[in-house]
N, C-alpha and C. Protein backbone atom coordinates (compact mmCIF):
# COMPACT_ATOMS: atom_id res chain seq x y z
N MET A 1 11.67 51.01 -2.29
CA MET A 1 11.84 52.41 -2.64
C MET A 1 10.60 53.17 -2.16
N SER A 2 10.79 54.30 -1.49
CA SER A 2 9.67 55.09 -0.99
C SER A 2 8.92 55.73 -2.16
N GLU A 3 7.68 56.16 -1.88
CA GLU A 3 6.89 56.79 -2.95
C GLU A 3 7.55 58.08 -3.44
N ASN A 4 8.20 58.83 -2.53
CA ASN A 4 8.91 60.05 -2.96
C ASN A 4 10.04 59.73 -3.92
N HIS A 5 10.78 58.67 -3.65
CA HIS A 5 11.86 58.26 -4.55
C HIS A 5 11.30 57.76 -5.88
N GLN A 6 10.18 57.02 -5.82
CA GLN A 6 9.54 56.55 -7.05
C GLN A 6 9.06 57.74 -7.88
N ALA A 7 8.46 58.72 -7.21
CA ALA A 7 7.95 59.89 -7.92
C ALA A 7 9.10 60.67 -8.56
N GLN A 8 10.22 60.81 -7.85
CA GLN A 8 11.38 61.51 -8.41
C GLN A 8 11.92 60.79 -9.63
N ALA A 9 12.03 59.48 -9.54
CA ALA A 9 12.50 58.68 -10.67
C ALA A 9 11.54 58.80 -11.85
N TYR A 10 10.26 58.85 -11.56
CA TYR A 10 9.24 58.95 -12.61
C TYR A 10 9.33 60.30 -13.33
N ILE A 11 9.45 61.37 -12.56
CA ILE A 11 9.59 62.71 -13.15
C ILE A 11 10.86 62.78 -14.00
N ASP A 12 11.95 62.22 -13.51
CA ASP A 12 13.19 62.21 -14.29
C ASP A 12 13.02 61.45 -15.59
N GLN A 13 12.32 60.32 -15.53
CA GLN A 13 12.07 59.53 -16.73
C GLN A 13 11.17 60.30 -17.72
N MET A 14 10.15 60.97 -17.18
CA MET A 14 9.28 61.78 -18.04
C MET A 14 10.10 62.86 -18.76
N ALA A 15 10.97 63.52 -18.02
CA ALA A 15 11.80 64.59 -18.60
C ALA A 15 12.69 64.04 -19.71
N GLU A 16 13.26 62.87 -19.49
CA GLU A 16 14.13 62.26 -20.51
C GLU A 16 13.34 61.86 -21.75
N GLN A 17 12.15 61.28 -21.56
CA GLN A 17 11.34 60.82 -22.70
C GLN A 17 10.76 61.98 -23.49
N ARG A 18 10.28 63.00 -22.79
CA ARG A 18 9.57 64.09 -23.45
C ARG A 18 10.49 65.23 -23.86
N GLY A 19 11.53 65.47 -23.07
CA GLY A 19 12.37 66.63 -23.29
C GLY A 19 11.88 67.83 -22.49
N TYR A 20 10.86 67.66 -21.69
CA TYR A 20 10.29 68.72 -20.84
C TYR A 20 9.38 68.05 -19.81
N VAL A 21 9.08 68.77 -18.76
CA VAL A 21 7.98 68.44 -17.86
C VAL A 21 7.29 69.76 -17.52
N LEU A 22 6.00 69.69 -17.34
CA LEU A 22 5.22 70.87 -16.99
C LEU A 22 5.10 70.99 -15.48
N ASP A 23 4.74 72.17 -15.02
CA ASP A 23 4.62 72.39 -13.58
C ASP A 23 3.62 71.43 -12.96
N TYR A 24 2.50 71.18 -13.64
CA TYR A 24 1.52 70.28 -13.04
C TYR A 24 2.06 68.86 -12.91
N HIS A 25 2.96 68.45 -13.79
CA HIS A 25 3.59 67.13 -13.64
C HIS A 25 4.36 67.05 -12.32
N LYS A 26 5.13 68.09 -12.04
CA LYS A 26 5.95 68.12 -10.83
C LYS A 26 5.09 68.12 -9.57
N VAL A 27 4.05 68.92 -9.58
CA VAL A 27 3.19 69.03 -8.40
C VAL A 27 2.39 67.74 -8.21
N MET A 28 1.87 67.19 -9.29
CA MET A 28 1.11 65.93 -9.19
C MET A 28 2.01 64.78 -8.73
N ALA A 29 3.27 64.78 -9.13
CA ALA A 29 4.18 63.73 -8.69
C ALA A 29 4.29 63.72 -7.17
N LYS A 30 4.25 64.90 -6.58
CA LYS A 30 4.37 65.01 -5.13
C LYS A 30 3.05 64.78 -4.41
N HIS A 31 1.93 65.22 -5.03
CA HIS A 31 0.67 65.23 -4.29
C HIS A 31 -0.34 64.17 -4.74
N ASP A 32 -0.24 63.65 -5.94
CA ASP A 32 -1.12 62.57 -6.38
C ASP A 32 -0.43 61.77 -7.48
N PHE A 33 0.59 61.08 -7.06
CA PHE A 33 1.46 60.32 -7.96
C PHE A 33 0.67 59.31 -8.79
N GLN A 34 -0.30 58.67 -8.20
CA GLN A 34 -1.09 57.65 -8.89
C GLN A 34 -1.86 58.24 -10.08
N VAL A 35 -2.47 59.39 -9.89
CA VAL A 35 -3.20 60.02 -10.99
C VAL A 35 -2.24 60.51 -12.07
N LEU A 36 -1.09 61.03 -11.67
CA LEU A 36 -0.09 61.43 -12.67
C LEU A 36 0.30 60.24 -13.53
N GLN A 37 0.55 59.10 -12.91
CA GLN A 37 0.92 57.90 -13.66
C GLN A 37 -0.19 57.51 -14.64
N ALA A 38 -1.44 57.58 -14.20
CA ALA A 38 -2.56 57.22 -15.07
C ALA A 38 -2.66 58.18 -16.26
N ALA A 39 -2.57 59.48 -15.99
CA ALA A 39 -2.65 60.47 -17.07
C ALA A 39 -1.48 60.33 -18.03
N ASN A 40 -0.31 60.08 -17.49
CA ASN A 40 0.88 59.94 -18.32
C ASN A 40 0.83 58.67 -19.17
N GLY A 41 0.12 57.65 -18.68
CA GLY A 41 -0.04 56.43 -19.46
C GLY A 41 -0.74 56.70 -20.78
N LEU A 42 -1.76 57.56 -20.75
CA LEU A 42 -2.47 57.94 -21.97
C LEU A 42 -1.54 58.70 -22.91
N VAL A 43 -0.77 59.63 -22.34
CA VAL A 43 0.18 60.40 -23.15
C VAL A 43 1.22 59.47 -23.79
N ASN A 44 1.70 58.51 -23.01
CA ASN A 44 2.66 57.56 -23.56
C ASN A 44 2.08 56.78 -24.73
N ALA A 45 0.85 56.31 -24.57
CA ALA A 45 0.23 55.51 -25.63
C ALA A 45 -0.04 56.33 -26.89
N ALA A 46 -0.51 57.55 -26.73
CA ALA A 46 -0.90 58.36 -27.89
C ALA A 46 0.24 59.17 -28.50
N TYR A 47 1.23 59.52 -27.70
CA TYR A 47 2.22 60.51 -28.13
C TYR A 47 3.65 59.97 -28.16
N LEU A 48 4.06 59.29 -27.11
CA LEU A 48 5.47 58.91 -27.01
C LEU A 48 5.79 57.54 -27.61
N ALA A 49 4.86 56.62 -27.53
CA ALA A 49 5.12 55.26 -28.03
C ALA A 49 5.27 55.28 -29.55
N PRO A 50 6.25 54.55 -30.06
CA PRO A 50 6.40 54.45 -31.51
C PRO A 50 5.16 53.80 -32.13
N ARG A 51 4.61 54.48 -33.11
CA ARG A 51 3.43 53.99 -33.83
C ARG A 51 3.58 54.40 -35.29
N SER A 52 2.49 54.59 -35.98
CA SER A 52 2.55 54.93 -37.41
C SER A 52 3.13 56.32 -37.66
N LEU A 53 2.76 57.30 -36.83
CA LEU A 53 3.28 58.66 -36.98
C LEU A 53 4.59 58.79 -36.22
N ASP A 54 5.57 59.43 -36.84
CA ASP A 54 6.82 59.62 -36.11
C ASP A 54 6.70 60.81 -35.15
N ARG A 55 7.69 60.94 -34.30
CA ARG A 55 7.64 61.94 -33.24
C ARG A 55 7.58 63.37 -33.78
N THR A 56 8.21 63.64 -34.92
CA THR A 56 8.16 65.00 -35.47
C THR A 56 6.74 65.38 -35.89
N VAL A 57 6.05 64.44 -36.53
CA VAL A 57 4.67 64.70 -36.93
C VAL A 57 3.80 64.93 -35.70
N LYS A 58 3.99 64.10 -34.69
CA LYS A 58 3.22 64.25 -33.45
C LYS A 58 3.49 65.61 -32.80
N GLU A 59 4.74 66.07 -32.83
CA GLU A 59 5.04 67.39 -32.26
C GLU A 59 4.33 68.49 -33.01
N LEU A 60 4.31 68.41 -34.33
CA LEU A 60 3.62 69.44 -35.11
C LEU A 60 2.12 69.43 -34.80
N ILE A 61 1.55 68.25 -34.65
CA ILE A 61 0.13 68.16 -34.30
C ILE A 61 -0.10 68.74 -32.91
N PHE A 62 0.78 68.42 -31.99
CA PHE A 62 0.67 68.95 -30.63
C PHE A 62 0.74 70.47 -30.64
N ILE A 63 1.70 71.03 -31.36
CA ILE A 63 1.87 72.48 -31.41
C ILE A 63 0.62 73.14 -31.99
N CYS A 64 0.09 72.59 -33.06
CA CYS A 64 -1.11 73.16 -33.67
C CYS A 64 -2.30 73.02 -32.73
N SER A 65 -2.48 71.86 -32.12
CA SER A 65 -3.64 71.68 -31.26
C SER A 65 -3.55 72.54 -30.01
N LEU A 66 -2.36 72.69 -29.45
CA LEU A 66 -2.20 73.58 -28.30
C LEU A 66 -2.48 75.03 -28.66
N THR A 67 -2.11 75.41 -29.88
CA THR A 67 -2.40 76.75 -30.37
C THR A 67 -3.90 76.96 -30.48
N VAL A 68 -4.59 76.02 -31.11
CA VAL A 68 -6.03 76.11 -31.29
C VAL A 68 -6.74 76.18 -29.93
N LEU A 69 -6.23 75.43 -28.96
CA LEU A 69 -6.83 75.41 -27.62
C LEU A 69 -6.41 76.61 -26.77
N LYS A 70 -5.56 77.47 -27.32
CA LYS A 70 -5.06 78.65 -26.61
C LYS A 70 -4.38 78.26 -25.30
N ALA A 71 -3.53 77.26 -25.39
CA ALA A 71 -2.78 76.78 -24.23
C ALA A 71 -1.83 77.86 -23.74
N PRO A 72 -1.35 77.74 -22.51
CA PRO A 72 -0.37 78.71 -22.01
C PRO A 72 0.87 78.73 -22.91
N LYS A 73 1.41 79.93 -23.08
CA LYS A 73 2.58 80.14 -23.95
C LYS A 73 3.72 79.18 -23.61
N GLY A 74 4.00 79.00 -22.32
CA GLY A 74 5.11 78.13 -21.92
C GLY A 74 4.92 76.69 -22.36
N GLN A 75 3.69 76.23 -22.37
CA GLN A 75 3.42 74.86 -22.81
C GLN A 75 3.68 74.71 -24.30
N ILE A 76 3.24 75.70 -25.07
CA ILE A 76 3.50 75.67 -26.51
C ILE A 76 5.00 75.78 -26.77
N GLU A 77 5.66 76.67 -26.06
CA GLU A 77 7.11 76.83 -26.23
C GLU A 77 7.86 75.53 -25.96
N SER A 78 7.43 74.78 -24.95
CA SER A 78 8.14 73.53 -24.64
C SER A 78 8.05 72.56 -25.81
N HIS A 79 6.91 72.50 -26.47
CA HIS A 79 6.78 71.61 -27.63
C HIS A 79 7.54 72.15 -28.84
N ILE A 80 7.62 73.46 -28.99
CA ILE A 80 8.43 74.03 -30.07
C ILE A 80 9.89 73.68 -29.86
N ARG A 81 10.38 73.78 -28.64
CA ARG A 81 11.78 73.43 -28.36
C ARG A 81 12.05 71.96 -28.66
N VAL A 82 11.12 71.08 -28.27
CA VAL A 82 11.29 69.65 -28.57
C VAL A 82 11.31 69.45 -30.08
N ALA A 83 10.41 70.12 -30.79
CA ALA A 83 10.37 69.99 -32.25
C ALA A 83 11.70 70.42 -32.89
N LEU A 84 12.25 71.52 -32.40
CA LEU A 84 13.56 71.96 -32.91
C LEU A 84 14.64 70.94 -32.58
N ASP A 85 14.60 70.39 -31.36
CA ASP A 85 15.57 69.36 -30.97
C ASP A 85 15.46 68.13 -31.86
N LEU A 86 14.25 67.84 -32.34
CA LEU A 86 14.03 66.67 -33.21
C LEU A 86 14.43 66.94 -34.65
N GLY A 87 14.86 68.18 -34.94
CA GLY A 87 15.34 68.49 -36.28
C GLY A 87 14.36 69.24 -37.17
N LEU A 88 13.18 69.57 -36.64
CA LEU A 88 12.25 70.36 -37.45
C LEU A 88 12.77 71.78 -37.57
N SER A 89 12.49 72.41 -38.69
CA SER A 89 12.95 73.79 -38.91
C SER A 89 11.93 74.76 -38.31
N PRO A 90 12.38 75.97 -38.01
CA PRO A 90 11.42 77.00 -37.57
C PRO A 90 10.29 77.19 -38.58
N GLN A 91 10.58 77.12 -39.87
CA GLN A 91 9.56 77.29 -40.90
C GLN A 91 8.52 76.18 -40.84
N GLU A 92 8.94 74.94 -40.66
CA GLU A 92 7.99 73.83 -40.56
C GLU A 92 7.07 74.01 -39.36
N ILE A 93 7.64 74.47 -38.25
CA ILE A 93 6.84 74.69 -37.04
C ILE A 93 5.86 75.83 -37.26
N LEU A 94 6.30 76.91 -37.89
CA LEU A 94 5.42 78.04 -38.19
C LEU A 94 4.26 77.59 -39.07
N GLU A 95 4.53 76.77 -40.06
CA GLU A 95 3.46 76.29 -40.94
C GLU A 95 2.43 75.46 -40.17
N ALA A 96 2.87 74.70 -39.18
CA ALA A 96 1.92 73.95 -38.35
C ALA A 96 1.05 74.92 -37.54
N ILE A 97 1.65 75.97 -37.02
CA ILE A 97 0.89 76.96 -36.25
C ILE A 97 -0.09 77.69 -37.16
N GLU A 98 0.31 77.95 -38.39
CA GLU A 98 -0.55 78.65 -39.34
C GLU A 98 -1.82 77.87 -39.67
N ILE A 99 -1.81 76.57 -39.49
CA ILE A 99 -3.01 75.77 -39.73
C ILE A 99 -4.13 76.20 -38.79
N ALA A 100 -3.78 76.79 -37.66
CA ALA A 100 -4.79 77.27 -36.71
C ALA A 100 -5.61 78.42 -37.27
N LEU A 101 -5.06 79.17 -38.22
CA LEU A 101 -5.75 80.36 -38.75
C LEU A 101 -7.15 80.06 -39.29
N PRO A 102 -7.32 79.14 -40.25
CA PRO A 102 -8.67 78.93 -40.78
C PRO A 102 -9.62 78.24 -39.80
N GLU A 103 -9.09 77.47 -38.89
CA GLU A 103 -9.95 76.70 -37.98
C GLU A 103 -10.27 77.43 -36.68
N ALA A 104 -9.31 78.18 -36.14
CA ALA A 104 -9.50 78.80 -34.83
C ALA A 104 -9.41 80.32 -34.85
N GLY A 105 -8.95 80.88 -35.95
CA GLY A 105 -8.89 82.33 -36.08
C GLY A 105 -7.58 82.94 -35.67
N VAL A 106 -7.49 84.23 -35.90
CA VAL A 106 -6.24 84.95 -35.70
C VAL A 106 -5.88 85.07 -34.22
N VAL A 107 -6.86 85.13 -33.33
CA VAL A 107 -6.54 85.25 -31.90
C VAL A 107 -5.81 84.01 -31.40
N ALA A 108 -6.32 82.84 -31.74
CA ALA A 108 -5.64 81.60 -31.35
C ALA A 108 -4.28 81.51 -32.03
N PHE A 109 -4.23 81.83 -33.32
CA PHE A 109 -2.96 81.80 -34.06
C PHE A 109 -1.90 82.65 -33.37
N GLN A 110 -2.28 83.86 -32.92
CA GLN A 110 -1.31 84.76 -32.31
C GLN A 110 -0.69 84.17 -31.05
N ILE A 111 -1.41 83.36 -30.33
CA ILE A 111 -0.86 82.72 -29.13
C ILE A 111 0.27 81.78 -29.51
N GLY A 112 0.03 80.91 -30.48
CA GLY A 112 1.08 80.01 -30.95
C GLY A 112 2.21 80.75 -31.63
N PHE A 113 1.85 81.75 -32.41
CA PHE A 113 2.86 82.54 -33.12
C PHE A 113 3.79 83.24 -32.13
N ASP A 114 3.23 83.80 -31.07
CA ASP A 114 4.05 84.50 -30.08
C ASP A 114 5.01 83.52 -29.40
N ALA A 115 4.55 82.32 -29.12
CA ALA A 115 5.44 81.30 -28.54
C ALA A 115 6.56 80.96 -29.51
N TRP A 116 6.20 80.76 -30.78
CA TRP A 116 7.20 80.45 -31.82
C TRP A 116 8.23 81.57 -31.93
N LYS A 117 7.72 82.81 -32.00
CA LYS A 117 8.60 83.98 -32.14
C LYS A 117 9.59 84.06 -30.98
N SER A 118 9.12 83.79 -29.78
CA SER A 118 10.00 83.84 -28.60
C SER A 118 11.08 82.77 -28.65
N VAL A 119 10.68 81.56 -29.03
CA VAL A 119 11.64 80.45 -29.03
C VAL A 119 12.69 80.61 -30.13
N VAL A 120 12.25 80.99 -31.33
CA VAL A 120 13.20 81.05 -32.45
C VAL A 120 13.86 82.41 -32.61
N GLY A 121 13.41 83.40 -31.84
CA GLY A 121 14.01 84.73 -31.92
C GLY A 121 13.65 85.49 -33.17
N ALA A 122 12.47 85.24 -33.73
CA ALA A 122 12.05 85.90 -34.96
C ALA A 122 11.77 87.38 -34.72
N THR A 123 12.13 88.19 -35.69
CA THR A 123 11.84 89.62 -35.65
C THR A 123 11.08 89.99 -36.91
N GLY A 124 10.51 91.18 -36.92
CA GLY A 124 9.72 91.61 -38.05
C GLY A 124 10.31 92.81 -38.77
N ILE A 125 9.55 93.32 -39.69
CA ILE A 125 9.90 94.52 -40.44
C ILE A 125 9.01 95.63 -39.93
N GLU A 126 9.61 96.69 -39.44
CA GLU A 126 8.86 97.82 -38.91
C GLU A 126 8.39 98.70 -40.05
N PRO A 127 7.17 99.26 -39.95
CA PRO A 127 6.69 100.17 -40.99
C PRO A 127 7.55 101.43 -41.04
N SER A 128 7.71 101.95 -42.22
CA SER A 128 8.48 103.18 -42.36
C SER A 128 7.57 104.40 -42.36
N VAL A 129 6.29 104.19 -42.13
CA VAL A 129 5.33 105.28 -42.02
C VAL A 129 4.78 105.31 -40.60
N GLN A 130 4.21 106.45 -40.22
CA GLN A 130 3.68 106.57 -38.86
C GLN A 130 2.41 105.74 -38.70
N VAL A 131 2.38 104.93 -37.63
CA VAL A 131 1.20 104.11 -37.32
C VAL A 131 0.97 104.14 -35.82
N HIS A 132 -0.21 103.75 -35.40
CA HIS A 132 -0.50 103.59 -33.98
C HIS A 132 0.14 102.31 -33.49
N ASP A 133 0.65 102.32 -32.29
CA ASP A 133 1.24 101.12 -31.69
C ASP A 133 0.12 100.17 -31.30
N ALA A 134 0.16 98.96 -31.82
CA ALA A 134 -0.88 97.97 -31.52
C ALA A 134 -0.58 97.23 -30.23
N GLY A 135 0.52 97.53 -29.58
CA GLY A 135 0.87 96.83 -28.35
C GLY A 135 1.63 95.56 -28.63
N VAL A 136 2.18 95.02 -27.56
CA VAL A 136 2.96 93.80 -27.67
C VAL A 136 2.15 92.66 -27.09
N ILE A 137 2.02 91.60 -27.86
CA ILE A 137 1.33 90.40 -27.37
C ILE A 137 2.37 89.54 -26.68
N SER A 138 2.09 89.18 -25.45
CA SER A 138 3.02 88.28 -24.75
C SER A 138 2.30 87.32 -23.88
């Protein structure tokens, strides 16, 4: 099997195991397959392999840590979608994101919150008094 075919099979397997693949996974599969395999080995050992923590707990930890690290919105959204697919409720996911508040502050929290809001379609309550528009975080 050629390296291109191996890389394609590997990306497909990653997508099936994780429920998502990131853009860097796809590009690394084409341009540095060996390093992708090495990096993914660590992810498999710490995140995907069955161990003491189940996958739902690991997803909540991932969502919170990505929020604290101010990861790109799409990366956080992908983990929120996986968490929902695993049966976690929107409320459980929100509570994991809220853990970022005391440790990383409101700016980091808003990044995760915005990803959660987009994925679950959450809306708010508009003030009935005149206020200045604070803008839309996206």
